Structures are given as structure tokens and as C-alpha cells.
């Protein structure tokens, strides 16, 4: 989980990222995989990530106004 895509901000990197996303969504939507229970720790981690505010594209967690 959590593959890194080098140069994902380029046009080809964005297409690769989108292609990987679609492949993953198609894979996990298969009926035999949908019946498998998800790990509680993984669910907690994902929920915590989704609860955080979204950053603007290309935003940095660091400020230049220190």
C-alpha cells in the first residue's frame, strides 16, 4: 500500500496515477473481495486521514512566515 509515483505532477504521471486508481477500484469492487472483512487498524487509519483537512494542491505543511 502507498506506492510512490515519481513525477506524478507531470501529465504522464497523472495518467499513471489515474490508471492505478481505476485498476484498484475495479479490483476491490469484485464480489469475492467485497465480502472479505477489512482490518480494524486499517479502517481507523483511513478514517483518521479522511478526518484531516484537505490541503490545496501543491501546498506545503511548512510556512515561510516563521
N, C-alpha and C. Protein backbone atom coordinates (compact mmCIF):
# COMPACT_ATOMS: atom_id res chain seq x y z
N UNK A 1 0.84 -1.19 0.00
CA UNK A 1 0.00 0.00 0.00
C UNK A 1 0.88 1.24 0.00
N UNK A 2 0.41 2.30 -0.60
CA UNK A 2 1.14 3.55 -0.57
C UNK A 2 2.29 3.61 -1.54
N UNK A 3 2.07 3.21 -2.79
CA UNK A 3 3.14 3.29 -3.77
C UNK A 3 3.47 4.74 -4.07
N UNK A 4 4.74 4.99 -4.35
CA UNK A 4 5.18 6.32 -4.73
C UNK A 4 5.31 6.39 -6.24
N UNK A 5 4.76 7.42 -6.84
CA UNK A 5 4.87 7.63 -8.28
C UNK A 5 5.81 8.81 -8.50
N UNK A 6 6.94 8.54 -9.13
CA UNK A 6 7.90 9.59 -9.41
C UNK A 6 7.33 10.50 -10.49
N UNK A 7 7.37 11.81 -10.27
CA UNK A 7 6.92 12.76 -11.27
C UNK A 7 5.42 12.72 -11.49
N UNK A 8 4.66 12.46 -10.45
CA UNK A 8 3.20 12.31 -10.61
C UNK A 8 2.52 13.60 -11.03
N UNK A 9 3.19 14.73 -10.89
CA UNK A 9 2.58 16.01 -11.28
C UNK A 9 2.67 16.25 -12.78
N UNK A 10 3.43 15.44 -13.48
CA UNK A 10 3.50 15.58 -14.94
C UNK A 10 2.25 14.96 -15.55
N UNK A 11 2.00 15.24 -16.81
CA UNK A 11 0.82 14.70 -17.49
C UNK A 11 0.85 13.18 -17.51
N UNK A 12 2.01 12.60 -17.81
CA UNK A 12 2.09 11.14 -17.85
C UNK A 12 1.98 10.55 -16.45
N UNK A 13 2.51 11.25 -15.46
CA UNK A 13 2.39 10.80 -14.08
C UNK A 13 0.95 10.83 -13.60
N UNK A 14 0.21 11.84 -14.01
CA UNK A 14 -1.20 11.93 -13.64
C UNK A 14 -2.01 10.82 -14.30
N UNK A 15 -1.69 10.51 -15.55
CA UNK A 15 -2.38 9.40 -16.23
C UNK A 15 -2.07 8.08 -15.55
N UNK A 16 -0.82 7.89 -15.16
CA UNK A 16 -0.42 6.67 -14.47
C UNK A 16 -1.16 6.56 -13.14
N UNK A 17 -1.21 7.66 -12.38
CA UNK A 17 -1.91 7.67 -11.10
C UNK A 17 -3.38 7.33 -11.29
N UNK A 18 -4.03 7.95 -12.27
CA UNK A 18 -5.44 7.69 -12.53
C UNK A 18 -5.66 6.25 -12.97
N UNK A 19 -4.79 5.74 -13.80
CA UNK A 19 -4.89 4.35 -14.24
C UNK A 19 -4.77 3.38 -13.06
N UNK A 20 -3.82 3.66 -12.17
CA UNK A 20 -3.66 2.81 -10.97
C UNK A 20 -4.89 2.89 -10.07
N UNK A 21 -5.47 4.08 -9.94
CA UNK A 21 -6.67 4.25 -9.14
C UNK A 21 -7.83 3.45 -9.72
N UNK A 22 -8.03 3.54 -11.02
CA UNK A 22 -9.11 2.80 -11.67
C UNK A 22 -8.90 1.30 -11.52
N UNK A 23 -7.67 0.83 -11.75
CA UNK A 23 -7.38 -0.60 -11.59
C UNK A 23 -7.69 -1.08 -10.18
N UNK A 24 -7.30 -0.29 -9.19
CA UNK A 24 -7.55 -0.65 -7.79
C UNK A 24 -9.03 -0.69 -7.49
N UNK A 25 -9.76 0.31 -7.96
CA UNK A 25 -11.21 0.36 -7.71
C UNK A 25 -11.92 -0.82 -8.38
N UNK A 26 -11.49 -1.18 -9.60
CA UNK A 26 -12.08 -2.33 -10.27
C UNK A 26 -11.78 -3.62 -9.51
N UNK A 27 -10.56 -3.73 -9.01
CA UNK A 27 -10.18 -4.94 -8.27
C UNK A 27 -10.97 -5.09 -6.98
N UNK A 28 -11.08 -4.01 -6.21
CA UNK A 28 -11.76 -4.14 -4.92
C UNK A 28 -13.28 -4.19 -5.05
N UNK A 29 -13.81 -3.91 -6.23
CA UNK A 29 -15.25 -3.99 -6.42
C UNK A 29 -15.71 -5.40 -6.79
N UNK A 30 -14.77 -6.32 -6.99
CA UNK A 30 -15.13 -7.70 -7.30
C UNK A 30 -15.88 -8.29 -6.11
N UNK A 31 -16.98 -9.02 -6.36
CA UNK A 31 -17.81 -9.56 -5.27
C UNK A 31 -17.04 -10.41 -4.27
N UNK A 32 -16.10 -11.22 -4.73
CA UNK A 32 -15.36 -12.09 -3.80
C UNK A 32 -14.45 -11.29 -2.86
N UNK A 33 -14.04 -10.11 -3.27
CA UNK A 33 -13.21 -9.28 -2.39
C UNK A 33 -14.07 -8.40 -1.48
N UNK A 34 -15.27 -8.06 -1.92
CA UNK A 34 -16.14 -7.19 -1.12
C UNK A 34 -16.62 -7.89 0.14
N UNK A 35 -16.63 -9.24 0.14
CA UNK A 35 -17.11 -9.98 1.31
C UNK A 35 -16.02 -10.19 2.36
N UNK A 36 -14.78 -9.88 2.03
CA UNK A 36 -13.67 -10.05 2.98
C UNK A 36 -13.69 -8.89 3.97
N UNK A 37 -13.70 -9.19 5.28
CA UNK A 37 -13.70 -8.10 6.26
C UNK A 37 -12.39 -7.30 6.22
N UNK A 38 -12.50 -6.02 6.48
CA UNK A 38 -11.35 -5.14 6.46
C UNK A 38 -10.73 -5.07 7.87
N UNK A 39 -9.43 -4.94 7.91
CA UNK A 39 -8.71 -4.84 9.17
C UNK A 39 -9.13 -3.58 9.93
N UNK A 40 -9.44 -3.73 11.22
CA UNK A 40 -9.89 -2.61 12.05
C UNK A 40 -8.84 -1.50 12.15
N UNK A 41 -7.57 -1.87 12.25
CA UNK A 41 -6.50 -0.87 12.33
C UNK A 41 -6.41 -0.07 11.03
N UNK A 42 -6.56 -0.75 9.90
CA UNK A 42 -6.54 -0.06 8.61
C UNK A 42 -7.72 0.90 8.50
N UNK A 43 -8.90 0.47 8.92
CA UNK A 43 -10.07 1.36 8.89
C UNK A 43 -9.85 2.59 9.77
N UNK A 44 -9.29 2.40 10.95
CA UNK A 44 -9.04 3.53 11.85
C UNK A 44 -8.05 4.50 11.23
N UNK A 45 -7.02 3.98 10.58
CA UNK A 45 -6.02 4.83 9.93
C UNK A 45 -6.64 5.64 8.79
N UNK A 46 -7.46 4.99 7.98
CA UNK A 46 -8.10 5.68 6.86
C UNK A 46 -9.07 6.73 7.37
N UNK A 47 -9.85 6.39 8.39
CA UNK A 47 -10.79 7.38 8.96
C UNK A 47 -10.05 8.59 9.51
N UNK A 48 -8.92 8.37 10.17
CA UNK A 48 -8.14 9.49 10.71
C UNK A 48 -7.60 10.37 9.59
N UNK A 49 -7.15 9.75 8.50
CA UNK A 49 -6.63 10.51 7.36
C UNK A 49 -7.75 11.33 6.73
N UNK A 50 -8.91 10.73 6.56
CA UNK A 50 -10.03 11.43 5.93
C UNK A 50 -10.59 12.54 6.81
N UNK A 51 -10.39 12.45 8.11
CA UNK A 51 -10.89 13.48 9.03
C UNK A 51 -10.02 14.74 9.00
N UNK A 52 -8.79 14.62 8.48
CA UNK A 52 -7.90 15.77 8.42
C UNK A 52 -8.34 16.71 7.32
N UNK A 53 -8.12 18.02 7.49
CA UNK A 53 -8.48 18.96 6.43
C UNK A 53 -7.63 18.73 5.18
N UNK A 54 -8.24 18.93 4.04
CA UNK A 54 -7.53 18.77 2.77
C UNK A 54 -6.63 19.97 2.54
N UNK A 55 -5.47 19.72 1.98
CA UNK A 55 -4.55 20.80 1.62
C UNK A 55 -4.78 21.18 0.17
N UNK A 56 -4.54 22.42 -0.14
CA UNK A 56 -4.63 22.87 -1.53
C UNK A 56 -3.57 22.14 -2.34
N UNK A 57 -3.80 21.91 -3.63
CA UNK A 57 -2.79 21.23 -4.44
C UNK A 57 -1.44 21.94 -4.34
N UNK A 58 -0.42 21.17 -4.21
CA UNK A 58 0.96 21.64 -4.11
C UNK A 58 1.22 22.48 -2.86
N UNK A 59 0.32 22.41 -1.89
CA UNK A 59 0.53 23.17 -0.66
C UNK A 59 1.57 22.47 0.20
N UNK A 60 2.20 23.22 1.02
CA UNK A 60 3.21 22.69 1.92
C UNK A 60 2.73 22.83 3.36
N UNK A 61 3.14 21.90 4.19
CA UNK A 61 2.81 21.99 5.61
C UNK A 61 3.68 23.02 6.31
N UNK A 62 4.69 23.54 5.60
CA UNK A 62 5.60 24.49 6.19
C UNK A 62 5.27 25.91 5.72
N UNK A 63 5.46 26.85 6.61
CA UNK A 63 5.17 28.23 6.27
C UNK A 63 6.46 29.03 6.15
N UNK A 64 6.48 30.00 5.28
CA UNK A 64 7.63 30.87 5.15
C UNK A 64 7.55 32.04 6.13
N UNK A 65 6.45 32.16 6.88
CA UNK A 65 6.27 33.27 7.81
C UNK A 65 6.67 32.89 9.23
N UNK A 66 7.81 32.30 9.42
CA UNK A 66 8.22 31.88 10.77
C UNK A 66 8.74 33.03 11.53
